[in-house]
Amino acid sequence: MLHESTDINRLLQEPATNPDFPHAPLEWTPDEAKRIAGEEGLKLTNDHWEVIRALQNYYAQHADDTIINMRDLHDALDECFHDKGGLKFLYTIFPGGPIAQSSRLAGLKAPYIAVDPHFGSVA
């Protein structure tokens, strides 16, 4: 049996992207984000979805990078949400870390040192 991503009939039947999340990974769905959020005790609001979109957009723009630089991502999110309070705001809506937790919800792999197994989320 063919792998789902290589089945041309399946690819033709489904739209390539979700119009609300144009930069989302192909296998990601908002329902999956809701499920993960529920497991982590979060109820997703418009602010959460805005961060998820911003994060997916950032990863799409840096798709050619071999490694996502956590400091650059941290600074980009701080700048993007500066009008709402920047990182302080992001830590209030993502108590598990604005990069680590939002990456899980966005279907993306967090940068290398965003999670330390000894201390939990550090970013």
PDB file of N, CA and C in Angstrom:
ATOM      1  N   MET A   1       0.839  -1.178   0.000  1.00  0.00           N
ATOM      2  CA  MET A   1       0.000   0.000   0.000  1.00  0.00           C
ATOM      3  C   MET A   1       0.887   1.245   0.000  1.00  0.00           C
ATOM      4  N   LEU A   2       0.452   2.260  -0.712  1.00  0.00           N
ATOM      5  CA  LEU A   2       1.225   3.487  -0.802  1.00  0.00           C
ATOM      6  C   LEU A   2       1.123   4.304   0.475  1.00  0.00           C
ATOM      7  N   HIS A   3       2.179   5.004   0.766  1.00  0.00           N
ATOM      8  CA  HIS A   3       2.168   5.945   1.882  1.00  0.00           C
ATOM      9  C   HIS A   3       1.174   7.053   1.531  1.00  0.00           C
ATOM     10  N   GLU A   4       0.443   7.566   2.517  1.00  0.00           N
ATOM     11  CA  GLU A   4      -0.585   8.573   2.263  1.00  0.00           C
ATOM     12  C   GLU A   4      -0.069   9.761   1.472  1.00  0.00           C
ATOM     13  N   SER A   5       1.127  10.240   1.793  1.00  0.00           N
ATOM     14  CA  SER A   5       1.633  11.436   1.135  1.00  0.00           C
ATOM     15  C   SER A   5       1.999  11.185  -0.325  1.00  0.00           C
ATOM     16  N   THR A   6       2.130   9.923  -0.733  1.00  0.00           N
ATOM     17  CA  THR A   6       2.475   9.639  -2.122  1.00  0.00           C
ATOM     18  C   THR A   6       1.279   9.156  -2.924  1.00  0.00           C
ATOM     19  N   ASP A   7       0.113   9.037  -2.320  1.00  0.00           N
ATOM     20  CA  ASP A   7      -1.089   8.609  -3.026  1.00  0.00           C
ATOM     21  C   ASP A   7      -1.664   9.808  -3.770  1.00  0.00           C
ATOM     22  N   ILE A   8      -1.473   9.851  -5.085  1.00  0.00           N
ATOM     23  CA  ILE A   8      -1.882  10.999  -5.899  1.00  0.00           C
ATOM     24  C   ILE A   8      -3.388  11.232  -5.822  1.00  0.00           C
ATOM     25  N   ASN A   9      -4.175  10.180  -5.715  1.00  0.00           N
ATOM     26  CA  ASN A   9      -5.625  10.350  -5.616  1.00  0.00           C
ATOM     27  C   ASN A   9      -5.994  11.094  -4.331  1.00  0.00           C
ATOM     28  N   ARG A  10      -5.347  10.748  -3.252  1.00  0.00           N
ATOM     29  CA  ARG A  10      -5.611  11.430  -1.975  1.00  0.00           C
ATOM     30  C   ARG A  10      -5.187  12.890  -2.057  1.00  0.00           C
ATOM     31  N   LEU A  11      -4.044  13.148  -2.665  1.00  0.00           N
ATOM     32  CA  LEU A  11      -3.561  14.519  -2.779  1.00  0.00           C
ATOM     33  C   LEU A  11      -4.488  15.376  -3.643  1.00  0.00           C
ATOM     34  N   LEU A  12      -5.076  14.780  -4.678  1.00  0.00           N
ATOM     35  CA  LEU A  12      -5.979  15.528  -5.546  1.00  0.00           C
ATOM     36  C   LEU A  12      -7.313  15.816  -4.872  1.00  0.00           C
ATOM     37  N   GLN A  13      -7.737  14.988  -3.956  1.00  0.00           N
ATOM     38  CA  GLN A  13      -9.024  15.153  -3.299  1.00  0.00           C
ATOM     39  C   GLN A  13      -8.983  16.204  -2.196  1.00  0.00           C
ATOM     40  N   GLU A  14      -7.858  16.417  -1.594  1.00  0.00           N
ATOM     41  CA  GLU A  14      -7.746  17.321  -0.462  1.00  0.00           C
ATOM     42  C   GLU A  14      -7.030  18.603  -0.866  1.00  0.00           C
ATOM     43  N   PRO A  15      -7.496  19.743  -0.350  1.00  0.00           N
ATOM     44  CA  PRO A  15      -6.753  20.976  -0.630  1.00  0.00           C
ATOM     45  C   PRO A  15      -5.359  20.893  -0.009  1.00  0.00           C
ATOM     46  N   ALA A  16      -4.398  21.518  -0.655  1.00  0.00           N
ATOM     47  CA  ALA A  16      -3.012  21.437  -0.198  1.00  0.00           C
ATOM     48  C   ALA A  16      -2.807  22.146   1.137  1.00  0.00           C
ATOM     49  N   THR A  17      -3.529  23.235   1.373  1.00  0.00           N
ATOM     50  CA  THR A  17      -3.346  23.974   2.611  1.00  0.00           C
ATOM     51  C   THR A  17      -4.688  24.409   3.171  1.00  0.00           C
ATOM     52  N   ASN A  18      -4.698  24.657   4.445  1.00  0.00           N
ATOM     53  CA  ASN A  18      -5.857  25.217   5.119  1.00  0.00           C
ATOM     54  C   ASN A  18      -5.768  26.729   4.910  1.00  0.00           C
ATOM     55  N   PRO A  19      -6.798  27.361   4.341  1.00  0.00           N
ATOM     56  CA  PRO A  19      -6.698  28.805   4.070  1.00  0.00           C
ATOM     57  C   PRO A  19      -6.487  29.652   5.333  1.00  0.00           C
ATOM     58  N   ASP A  20      -6.921  29.157   6.485  1.00  0.00           N
ATOM     59  CA  ASP A  20      -6.702  29.887   7.732  1.00  0.00           C
ATOM     60  C   ASP A  20      -5.279  29.724   8.252  1.00  0.00           C
ATOM     61  N   PHE A  21      -4.602  28.662   7.799  1.00  0.00           N
ATOM     62  CA  PHE A  21      -3.234  28.362   8.232  1.00  0.00           C
ATOM     63  C   PHE A  21      -2.404  28.005   6.995  1.00  0.00           C
ATOM     64  N   PRO A  22      -2.099  29.001   6.159  1.00  0.00           N
ATOM     65  CA  PRO A  22      -1.441  28.714   4.878  1.00  0.00           C
ATOM     66  C   PRO A  22      -0.032  28.151   4.987  1.00  0.00           C
ATOM     67  N   HIS A  23       0.626  28.331   6.117  1.00  0.00           N
ATOM     68  CA  HIS A  23       2.010  27.864   6.264  1.00  0.00           C
ATOM     69  C   HIS A  23       2.127  26.648   7.182  1.00  0.00           C
ATOM     70  N   ALA A  24       1.004  26.029   7.482  1.00  0.00           N
ATOM     71  CA  ALA A  24       1.006  24.875   8.386  1.00  0.00           C
ATOM     72  C   ALA A  24       1.661  23.671   7.716  1.00  0.00           C
ATOM     73  N   PRO A  25       2.287  22.814   8.527  1.00  0.00           N
ATOM     74  CA  PRO A  25       2.799  21.555   7.970  1.00  0.00           C
ATOM     75  C   PRO A  25       1.631  20.756   7.373  1.00  0.00           C
ATOM     76  N   LEU A  26       1.899  20.002   6.324  1.00  0.00           N
ATOM     77  CA  LEU A  26       0.827  19.286   5.623  1.00  0.00           C
ATOM     78  C   LEU A  26       0.047  18.340   6.522  1.00  0.00           C
ATOM     79  N   GLU A  27       0.702  17.695   7.462  1.00  0.00           N
ATOM     80  CA  GLU A  27       0.020  16.714   8.315  1.00  0.00           C
ATOM     81  C   GLU A  27      -0.683  17.345   9.517  1.00  0.00           C
ATOM     82  N   TRP A  28      -0.542  18.652   9.716  1.00  0.00           N
ATOM     83  CA  TRP A  28      -1.102  19.347  10.870  1.00  0.00           C
ATOM     84  C   TRP A  28      -2.548  19.745  10.621  1.00  0.00           C
ATOM     85  N   THR A  29      -3.362  19.690  11.672  1.00  0.00           N
ATOM     86  CA  THR A  29      -4.741  20.182  11.607  1.00  0.00           C
ATOM     87  C   THR A  29      -5.057  20.973  12.865  1.00  0.00           C
ATOM     88  N   PRO A  30      -5.982  21.922  12.769  1.00  0.00           N
ATOM     89  CA  PRO A  30      -6.404  22.648  13.970  1.00  0.00           C
ATOM     90  C   PRO A  30      -6.985  21.712  15.031  1.00  0.00           C
ATOM     91  N   ASP A  31      -7.644  20.643  14.608  1.00  0.00           N
ATOM     92  CA  ASP A  31      -8.193  19.687  15.575  1.00  0.00           C
ATOM     93  C   ASP A  31      -7.082  19.023  16.386  1.00  0.00           C
ATOM     94  N   GLU A  32      -5.954  18.755  15.744  1.00  0.00           N
ATOM     95  CA  GLU A  32      -4.817  18.175  16.453  1.00  0.00           C
ATOM     96  C   GLU A  32      -4.279  19.163  17.486  1.00  0.00           C
ATOM     97  N   ALA A  33      -4.231  20.445  17.118  1.00  0.00           N
ATOM     98  CA  ALA A  33      -3.779  21.476  18.056  1.00  0.00           C
ATOM     99  C   ALA A  33      -4.731  21.554  19.248  1.00  0.00           C
ATOM    100  N   LYS A  34      -6.025  21.471  18.996  1.00  0.00           N
ATOM    101  CA  LYS A  34      -7.013  21.500  20.084  1.00  0.00           C
ATOM    102  C   LYS A  34      -6.844  20.298  21.005  1.00  0.00           C
ATOM    103  N   ARG A  35      -6.570  19.137  20.424  1.00  0.00           N
ATOM    104  CA  ARG A  35      -6.380  17.938  21.231  1.00  0.00           C
ATOM    105  C   ARG A  35      -5.164  18.086  22.145  1.00  0.00           C
ATOM    106  N   ILE A  36      -4.047  18.540  21.575  1.00  0.00           N
ATOM    107  CA  ILE A  36      -2.822  18.732  22.357  1.00  0.00           C
ATOM    108  C   ILE A  36      -3.049  19.785  23.440  1.00  0.00           C
ATOM    109  N   ALA A  37      -3.722  20.870  23.071  1.00  0.00           N
ATOM    110  CA  ALA A  37      -4.002  21.932  24.046  1.00  0.00           C
ATOM    111  C   ALA A  37      -4.841  21.387  25.198  1.00  0.00           C
ATOM    112  N   GLY A  38      -5.818  20.576  24.900  1.00  0.00           N
ATOM    113  CA  GLY A  38      -6.647  19.985  25.941  1.00  0.00           C
ATOM    114  C   GLY A  38      -5.828  19.124  26.886  1.00  0.00           C
ATOM    115  N   GLU A  39      -4.911  18.342  26.329  1.00  0.00           N
ATOM    116  CA  GLU A  39      -4.040  17.505  27.154  1.00  0.00           C
ATOM    117  C   GLU A  39      -3.139  18.341  28.052  1.00  0.00           C
ATOM    118  N   GLU A  40      -2.807  19.554  27.600  1.00  0.00           N
ATOM    119  CA  GLU A  40      -1.914  20.434  28.364  1.00  0.00           C
ATOM    120  C   GLU A  40      -2.684  21.448  29.208  1.00  0.00           C
ATOM    121  N   GLY A  41      -4.004  21.312  29.239  1.00  0.00           N
ATOM    122  CA  GLY A  41      -4.819  22.195  30.077  1.00  0.00           C
ATOM    123  C   GLY A  41      -5.045  23.587  29.516  1.00  0.00           C
ATOM    124  N   LEU A  42      -4.916  23.755  28.202  1.00  0.00           N
ATOM    125  CA  LEU A  42      -5.137  25.060  27.566  1.00  0.00           C
ATOM    126  C   LEU A  42      -6.453  25.066  26.801  1.00  0.00           C
ATOM    127  N   LYS A  43      -7.134  26.180  26.829  1.00  0.00           N
ATOM    128  CA  LYS A  43      -8.283  26.406  25.961  1.00  0.00           C
ATOM    129  C   LYS A  43      -7.823  27.449  24.956  1.00  0.00           C
ATOM    130  N   LEU A  44      -7.782  27.070  23.695  1.00  0.00           N
ATOM    131  CA  LEU A  44      -7.224  27.956  22.677  1.00  0.00           C
ATOM    132  C   LEU A  44      -8.143  29.137  22.387  1.00  0.00           C
ATOM    133  N   THR A  45      -7.550  30.327  22.409  1.00  0.00           N
ATOM    134  CA  THR A  45      -8.253  31.569  22.107  1.00  0.00           C
ATOM    135  C   THR A  45      -7.715  32.123  20.789  1.00  0.00           C
ATOM    136  N   ASN A  46      -8.270  33.238  20.355  1.00  0.00           N
ATOM    137  CA  ASN A  46      -7.765  33.883  19.135  1.00  0.00           C
ATOM    138  C   ASN A  46      -6.293  34.258  19.270  1.00  0.00           C
ATOM    139  N   ASP A  47      -5.875  34.638  20.471  1.00  0.00           N
ATOM    140  CA  ASP A  47      -4.461  34.961  20.686  1.00  0.00           C
ATOM    141  C   ASP A  47      -3.570  33.746  20.440  1.00  0.00           C
ATOM    142  N   HIS A  48      -3.991  32.575  20.924  1.00  0.00           N
ATOM    143  CA  HIS A  48      -3.216  31.350  20.695  1.00  0.00           C
ATOM    144  C   HIS A  48      -3.106  31.054  19.200  1.00  0.00           C
ATOM    145  N   TRP A  49      -4.236  31.157  18.492  1.00  0.00           N
ATOM    146  CA  TRP A  49      -4.219  30.868  17.049  1.00  0.00           C
ATOM    147  C   TRP A  49      -3.322  31.863  16.307  1.00  0.00           C
ATOM    148  N   GLU A  50      -3.310  33.117  16.757  1.00  0.00           N
ATOM    149  CA  GLU A  50      -2.454  34.121  16.128  1.00  0.00           C
ATOM    150  C   GLU A  50      -0.974  33.766  16.304  1.00  0.00           C
ATOM    151  N   VAL A  51      -0.614  33.295  17.473  1.00  0.00           N
ATOM    152  CA  VAL A  51       0.770  32.884  17.726  1.00  0.00           C
ATOM    153  C   VAL A  51       1.113  31.651  16.883  1.00  0.00           C
ATOM    154  N   ILE A  52       0.199  30.708  16.800  1.00  0.00           N
ATOM    155  CA  ILE A  52       0.425  29.505  15.990  1.00  0.00           C
ATOM    156  C   ILE A  52       0.657  29.888  14.535  1.00  0.00           C
ATOM    157  N   ARG A  53      -0.169  30.791  13.998  1.00  0.00           N
ATOM    158  CA  ARG A  53       0.018  31.243  12.609  1.00  0.00           C
ATOM    159  C   ARG A  53       1.380  31.927  12.436  1.00  0.00           C
ATOM    160  N   ALA A  54       1.734  32.794  13.385  1.00  0.00           N
ATOM    161  CA  ALA A  54       3.013  33.510  13.298  1.00  0.00           C
ATOM    162  C   ALA A  54       4.183  32.532  13.332  1.00  0.00           C
ATOM    163  N   LEU A  55       4.087  31.538  14.185  1.00  0.00           N
ATOM    164  CA  LEU A  55       5.155  30.546  14.299  1.00  0.00           C
ATOM    165  C   LEU A  55       5.269  29.718  13.012  1.00  0.00           C
ATOM    166  N   GLN A  56       4.133  29.285  12.478  1.00  0.00           N
ATOM    167  CA  GLN A  56       4.154  28.519  11.226  1.00  0.00           C
ATOM    168  C   GLN A  56       4.714  29.369  10.085  1.00  0.00           C
ATOM    169  N   ASN A  57       4.377  30.647  10.062  1.00  0.00           N
ATOM    170  CA  ASN A  57       4.899  31.550   9.045  1.00  0.00           C
ATOM    171  C   ASN A  57       6.416  31.699   9.188  1.00  0.00           C
ATOM    172  N   TYR A  58       6.886  31.857  10.420  1.00  0.00           N
ATOM    173  CA  TYR A  58       8.323  31.993  10.656  1.00  0.00           C
ATOM    174  C   TYR A  58       9.069  30.747  10.149  1.00  0.00           C
ATOM    175  N   TYR A  59       8.564  29.572  10.487  1.00  0.00           N
ATOM    176  CA  TYR A  59       9.212  28.333  10.044  1.00  0.00           C
ATOM    177  C   TYR A  59       9.178  28.219   8.518  1.00  0.00           C
ATOM    178  N   ALA A  60       8.082  28.638   7.891  1.00  0.00           N
ATOM    179  CA  ALA A  60       7.992  28.580   6.430  1.00  0.00           C
ATOM    180  C   ALA A  60       9.027  29.514   5.791  1.00  0.00           C
ATOM    181  N   GLN A  61       9.206  30.693   6.372  1.00  0.00           N
ATOM    182  CA  GLN A  61      10.184  31.646   5.836  1.00  0.00           C
ATOM    183  C   GLN A  61      11.618  31.175   6.039  1.00  0.00           C
ATOM    184  N   HIS A  62      11.836  30.312   7.024  1.00  0.00           N
ATOM    185  CA  HIS A  62      13.185  29.814   7.326  1.00  0.00           C
ATOM    186  C   HIS A  62      13.331  28.334   6.986  1.00  0.00           C
ATOM    187  N   ALA A  63      12.529  27.871   6.038  1.00  0.00           N
ATOM    188  CA  ALA A  63      12.538  26.456   5.665  1.00  0.00           C
ATOM    189  C   ALA A  63      13.884  25.998   5.130  1.00  0.00           C
ATOM    190  N   ASP A  64      14.649  26.896   4.545  1.00  0.00           N
ATOM    191  CA  ASP A  64      15.959  26.525   3.993  1.00  0.00           C
ATOM    192  C   ASP A  64      17.051  26.476   5.055  1.00  0.00           C
ATOM    193  N   ASP A  65      16.771  27.008   6.227  1.00  0.00           N
ATOM    194  CA  ASP A  65      17.757  26.974   7.307  1.00  0.00           C
ATOM    195  C   ASP A  65      17.896  25.540   7.817  1.00  0.00           C
ATOM    196  N   THR A  66      19.104  25.125   8.056  1.00  0.00           N
ATOM    197  CA  THR A  66      19.295  23.768   8.573  1.00  0.00           C
ATOM    198  C   THR A  66      18.874  23.676  10.037  1.00  0.00           C
ATOM    199  N   ILE A  67      19.019  24.786  10.764  1.00  0.00           N
ATOM    200  CA  ILE A  67      18.650  24.825  12.177  1.00  0.00           C
ATOM    201  C   ILE A  67      17.897  26.132  12.424  1.00  0.00           C
ATOM    202  N   ILE A  68      16.780  26.041  13.137  1.00  0.00           N
ATOM    203  CA  ILE A  68      16.059  27.241  13.548  1.00  0.00           C
ATOM    204  C   ILE A  68      16.767  27.788  14.792  1.00  0.00           C
ATOM    205  N   ASN A  69      17.209  29.019  14.710  1.00  0.00           N
ATOM    206  CA  ASN A  69      17.919  29.649  15.821  1.00  0.00           C
ATOM    207  C   ASN A  69      16.896  30.117  16.853  1.00  0.00           C
ATOM    208  N   MET A  70      16.993  29.579  18.064  1.00  0.00           N
ATOM    209  CA  MET A  70      16.015  29.894  19.089  1.00  0.00           C
ATOM    210  C   MET A  70      16.032  31.375  19.451  1.00  0.00           C
ATOM    211  N   ARG A  71      17.184  31.978  19.547  1.00  0.00           N
ATOM    212  CA  ARG A  71      17.267  33.400  19.901  1.00  0.00           C
ATOM    213  C   ARG A  71      16.575  34.253  18.843  1.00  0.00           C
ATOM    214  N   ASP A  72      16.804  33.952  17.561  1.00  0.00           N
ATOM    215  CA  ASP A  72      16.155  34.709  16.489  1.00  0.00           C
ATOM    216  C   ASP A  72      14.640  34.525  16.533  1.00  0.00           C
ATOM    217  N   LEU A  73      14.191  33.302  16.772  1.00  0.00           N
ATOM    218  CA  LEU A  73      12.756  33.028  16.869  1.00  0.00           C
ATOM    219  C   LEU A  73      12.165  33.756  18.071  1.00  0.00           C
ATOM    220  N   HIS A  74      12.853  33.705  19.182  1.00  0.00           N
ATOM    221  CA  HIS A  74      12.446  34.387  20.407  1.00  0.00           C
ATOM    222  C   HIS A  74      12.265  35.883  20.128  1.00  0.00           C
ATOM    223  N   ASP A  75      13.249  36.487  19.474  1.00  0.00           N
ATOM    224  CA  ASP A  75      13.202  37.918  19.155  1.00  0.00           C
ATOM    225  C   ASP A  75      12.087  38.234  18.160  1.00  0.00           C
ATOM    226  N   ALA A  76      11.894  37.360  17.174  1.00  0.00           N
ATOM    227  CA  ALA A  76      10.845  37.575  16.178  1.00  0.00           C
ATOM    228  C   ALA A  76       9.455  37.539  16.827  1.00  0.00           C
ATOM    229  N   LEU A  77       9.232  36.592  17.726  1.00  0.00           N
ATOM    230  CA  LEU A  77       7.940  36.524  18.419  1.00  0.00           C
ATOM    231  C   LEU A  77       7.746  37.734  19.330  1.00  0.00           C
ATOM    232  N   ASP A  78       8.811  38.148  20.008  1.00  0.00           N
ATOM    233  CA  ASP A  78       8.734  39.321  20.876  1.00  0.00           C
ATOM    234  C   ASP A  78       8.347  40.554  20.060  1.00  0.00           C
ATOM    235  N   GLU A  79       8.945  40.705  18.898  1.00  0.00           N
ATOM    236  CA  GLU A  79       8.650  41.846  18.036  1.00  0.00           C
ATOM    237  C   GLU A  79       7.236  41.756  17.456  1.00  0.00           C
ATOM    238  N   CYS A  80       6.845  40.576  17.023  1.00  0.00           N
ATOM    239  CA  CYS A  80       5.541  40.374  16.408  1.00  0.00           C
ATOM    240  C   CYS A  80       4.400  40.696  17.385  1.00  0.00           C
ATOM    241  N   PHE A  81       4.599  40.394  18.656  1.00  0.00           N
ATOM    242  CA  PHE A  81       3.549  40.594  19.657  1.00  0.00           C
ATOM    243  C   PHE A  81       3.900  41.715  20.637  1.00  0.00           C
ATOM    244  N   HIS A  82       4.752  42.628  20.186  1.00  0.00           N
ATOM    245  CA  HIS A  82       5.191  43.744  21.019  1.00  0.00           C
ATOM    246  C   HIS A  82       4.012  44.586  21.508  1.00  0.00           C
ATOM    247  N   ASP A  83       3.036  44.828  20.636  1.00  0.00           N
ATOM    248  CA  ASP A  83       1.903  45.678  20.999  1.00  0.00           C
ATOM    249  C   ASP A  83       1.015  45.059  22.086  1.00  0.00           C
ATOM    250  N   LYS A  84       1.131  43.755  22.292  1.00  0.00           N
ATOM    251  CA  LYS A  84       0.349  43.082  23.333  1.00  0.00           C
ATOM    252  C   LYS A  84       1.172  42.817  24.592  1.00  0.00           C
ATOM    253  N   GLY A  85       2.446  43.136  24.545  1.00  0.00           N
ATOM    254  CA  GLY A  85       3.305  42.922  25.709  1.00  0.00           C
ATOM    255  C   GLY A  85       4.486  42.026  25.427  1.00  0.00           C
ATOM    256  N   GLY A  86       4.652  41.608  24.167  1.00  0.00           N
ATOM    257  CA  GLY A  86       5.811  40.809  23.782  1.00  0.00           C
ATOM    258  C   GLY A  86       5.884  39.469  24.494  1.00  0.00           C
ATOM    259  N   LEU A  87       7.078  39.113  24.923  1.00  0.00           N
ATOM    260  CA  LEU A  87       7.291  37.807  25.545  1.00  0.00           C
ATOM    261  C   LEU A  87       6.533  37.649  26.856  1.00  0.00           C
ATOM    262  N   LYS A  88       6.370  38.733  27.590  1.00  0.00           N
ATOM    263  CA  LYS A  88       5.614  38.659  28.845  1.00  0.00           C
ATOM    264  C   LYS A  88       4.188  38.176  28.548  1.00  0.00           C
ATOM    265  N   PHE A  89       3.575  38.729  27.511  1.00  0.00           N
ATOM    266  CA  PHE A  89       2.244  38.301  27.071  1.00  0.00           C
ATOM    267  C   PHE A  89       2.263  36.841  26.642  1.00  0.00           C
ATOM    268  N   LEU A  90       3.264  36.456  25.860  1.00  0.00           N
ATOM    269  CA  LEU A  90       3.338  35.084  25.351  1.00  0.00           C
ATOM    270  C   LEU A  90       3.485  34.067  26.480  1.00  0.00           C
ATOM    271  N   TYR A  91       4.247  34.411  27.506  1.00  0.00           N
ATOM    272  CA  TYR A  91       4.383  33.505  28.651  1.00  0.00           C
ATOM    273  C   TYR A  91       3.065  33.376  29.418  1.00  0.00           C
ATOM    274  N   THR A  92       2.211  34.398  29.379  1.00  0.00           N
ATOM    275  CA  THR A  92       0.928  34.290  30.087  1.00  0.00           C
ATOM    276  C   THR A  92      -0.038  33.365  29.361  1.00  0.00           C
ATOM    277  N   ILE A  93       0.001  33.349  28.028  1.00  0.00           N
ATOM    278  CA  ILE A  93      -0.937  32.475  27.315  1.00  0.00           C
ATOM    279  C   ILE A  93      -0.355  31.091  27.025  1.00  0.00           C
ATOM    280  N   PHE A  94       0.974  30.968  27.069  1.00  0.00           N
ATOM    281  CA  PHE A  94       1.639  29.680  26.908  1.00  0.00           C
ATOM    282  C   PHE A  94       2.510  29.421  28.142  1.00  0.00           C
ATOM    283  N   PRO A  95       1.901  28.978  29.239  1.00  0.00           N
ATOM    284  CA  PRO A  95       2.669  28.782  30.473  1.00  0.00           C
ATOM    285  C   PRO A  95       3.742  27.695  30.352  1.00  0.00           C
ATOM    286  N   GLY A  96       3.644  26.829  29.340  1.00  0.00           N
ATOM    287  CA  GLY A  96       4.649  25.803  29.118  1.00  0.00           C
ATOM    288  C   GLY A  96       5.819  26.303  28.282  1.00  0.00           C
ATOM    289  N   GLY A  97       5.878  27.613  28.063  1.00  0.00           N
ATOM    290  CA  GLY A  97       6.944  28.211  27.258  1.00  0.00           C
ATOM    291  C   GLY A  97       6.409  28.615  25.902  1.00  0.00           C
ATOM    292  N   PRO A  98       6.565  29.891  25.519  1.00  0.00           N
ATOM    293  CA  PRO A  98       5.971  30.343  24.258  1.00  0.00           C
ATOM    294  C   PRO A  98       6.549  29.683  23.015  1.00  0.00           C
ATOM    295  N   ILE A  99       7.764  29.205  23.078  1.00  0.00           N
ATOM    296  CA  ILE A  99       8.328  28.526  21.908  1.00  0.00           C
ATOM    297  C   ILE A  99       8.055  27.035  21.981  1.00  0.00           C
ATOM    298  N   ALA A 100       8.365  26.409  23.087  1.00  0.00           N
ATOM    299  CA  ALA A 100       8.199  24.961  23.201  1.00  0.00           C
ATOM    300  C   ALA A 100       6.729  24.549  23.077  1.00  0.00           C
ATOM    301  N   GLN A 101       5.859  25.180  23.851  1.00  0.00           N
ATOM    302  CA  GLN A 101       4.458  24.779  23.851  1.00  0.00           C
ATOM    303  C   GLN A 101       3.759  25.178  22.551  1.00  0.00           C
ATOM    304  N   SER A 102       4.015  26.383  22.064  1.00  0.00           N
ATOM    305  CA  SER A 102       3.356  26.795  20.816  1.00  0.00           C
ATOM    306  C   SER A 102       3.873  25.990  19.627  1.00  0.00           C
ATOM    307  N   SER A 103       5.119  25.552  19.662  1.00  0.00           N
ATOM    308  CA  SER A 103       5.644  24.697  18.583  1.00  0.00           C
ATOM    309  C   SER A 103       4.897  23.370  18.545  1.00  0.00           C
ATOM    310  N   ARG A 104       4.666  22.779  19.720  1.00  0.00           N
ATOM    311  CA  ARG A 104       3.892  21.527  19.768  1.00  0.00           C
ATOM    312  C   ARG A 104       2.505  21.729  19.172  1.00  0.00           C
ATOM    313  N   LEU A 105       1.860  22.827  19.546  1.00  0.00           N
ATOM    314  CA  LEU A 105       0.507  23.091  19.063  1.00  0.00           C
ATOM    315  C   LEU A 105       0.483  23.404  17.567  1.00  0.00           C
ATOM    316  N   ALA A 106       1.561  23.984  17.059  1.00  0.00           N
ATOM    317  CA  ALA A 106       1.632  24.350  15.644  1.00  0.00           C
ATOM    318  C   ALA A 106       2.104  23.202  14.756  1.00  0.00           C
ATOM    319  N   GLY A 107       2.426  22.063  15.364  1.00  0.00           N
ATOM    320  CA  GLY A 107       2.890  20.916  14.586  1.00  0.00           C
ATOM    321  C   GLY A 107       4.320  21.052  14.124  1.00  0.00           C
ATOM    322  N   LEU A 108       5.107  21.821  14.850  1.00  0.00           N
ATOM    323  CA  LEU A 108       6.497  22.086  14.485  1.00  0.00           C
ATOM    324  C   LEU A 108       7.440  21.564  15.554  1.00  0.00           C
ATOM    325  N   LYS A 109       8.656  21.276  15.144  1.00  0.00           N
ATOM    326  CA  LYS A 109       9.670  20.831  16.095  1.00  0.00           C
ATOM    327  C   LYS A 109      10.322  22.065  16.710  1.00  0.00           C
ATOM    328  N   ALA A 110      10.298  22.117  18.030  1.00  0.00           N
ATOM    329  CA  ALA A 110      10.892  23.259  18.731  1.00  0.00           C
ATOM    330  C   ALA A 110      12.400  23.264  18.498  1.00  0.00           C
ATOM    331  N   PRO A 111      13.021  24.465  18.496  1.00  0.00           N
ATOM    332  CA  PRO A 111      14.475  24.525  18.368  1.00  0.00           C
ATOM    333  C   PRO A 111      15.166  23.688  19.441  1.00  0.00           C
ATOM    334  N   TYR A 112      16.360  23.307  19.143  1.00  0.00           N
ATOM    335  CA  TYR A 112      17.140  22.356  19.927  1.00  0.00           C
ATOM    336  C   TYR A 112      17.096  22.580  21.432  1.00  0.00           C
ATOM    337  N   ILE A 113      17.350  23.778  21.900  1.00  0.00           N
ATOM    338  CA  ILE A 113      17.451  23.982  23.346  1.00  0.00           C
ATOM    339  C   ILE A 113      16.204  24.639  23.950  1.00  0.00           C
ATOM    340  N   ALA A 114      15.071  24.619  23.253  1.00  0.00           N
ATOM    341  CA  ALA A 114      13.847  25.209  23.800  1.00  0.00           C
ATOM    342  C   ALA A 114      13.318  24.385  24.967  1.00  0.00           C
ATOM    343  N   VAL A 115      13.632  23.097  24.975  1.00  0.00           N
ATOM    344  CA  VAL A 115      13.185  22.229  26.072  1.00  0.00           C
ATOM    345  C   VAL A 115      14.398  21.508  26.619  1.00  0.00           C
ATOM    346  N   ASP A 116      14.584  21.619  27.913  1.00  0.00           N
ATOM    347  CA  ASP A 116      15.659  20.914  28.609  1.00  0.00           C
ATOM    348  C   ASP A 116      15.007  19.820  29.428  1.00  0.00           C
ATOM    349  N   PRO A 117      15.322  18.540  29.164  1.00  0.00           N
ATOM    350  CA  PRO A 117      14.654  17.462  29.875  1.00  0.00           C
ATOM    351  C   PRO A 117      14.815  17.518  31.403  1.00  0.00           C
ATOM    352  N   HIS A 118      15.794  18.242  31.884  1.00  0.00           N
ATOM    353  CA  HIS A 118      16.029  18.343  33.311  1.00  0.00           C
ATOM    354  C   HIS A 118      15.227  19.469  33.956  1.00  0.00           C
ATOM    355  N   PHE A 119      14.898  20.487  33.166  1.00  0.00           N
ATOM    356  CA  PHE A 119      14.226  21.651  33.718  1.00  0.00           C
ATOM    357  C   PHE A 119      12.866  21.921  33.094  1.00  0.00           C
ATOM    358  N   GLY A 120      12.498  21.259  31.997  1.00  0.00           N
ATOM    359  CA  GLY A 120      11.252  21.543  31.292  1.00  0.00           C
ATOM    360  C   GLY A 120      11.477  22.596  30.225  1.00  0.00           C
ATOM    361  N   SER A 121      10.424  23.326  29.919  1.00  0.00           N
ATOM    362  CA  SER A 121      10.521  24.368  28.893  1.00  0.00           C
ATOM    363  C   SER A 121      11.346  25.523  29.405  1.00  0.00           C
ATOM    364  N   VAL A 122      12.269  25.958  28.593  1.00  0.00           N
ATOM    365  CA  VAL A 122      13.088  27.094  28.965  1.00  0.00           C
ATOM    366  C   VAL A 122      12.766  28.299  28.097  1.00  0.00           C
ATOM    367  N   ALA A 123      11.985  28.086  27.046  1.00  0.00           N
ATOM    368  CA  ALA A 123      11.604  29.188  26.170  1.00  0.00           C
ATOM    369  C   ALA A 123      10.220  28.964  25.625  1.00  0.00           C
TER     370      ALA A 123
END
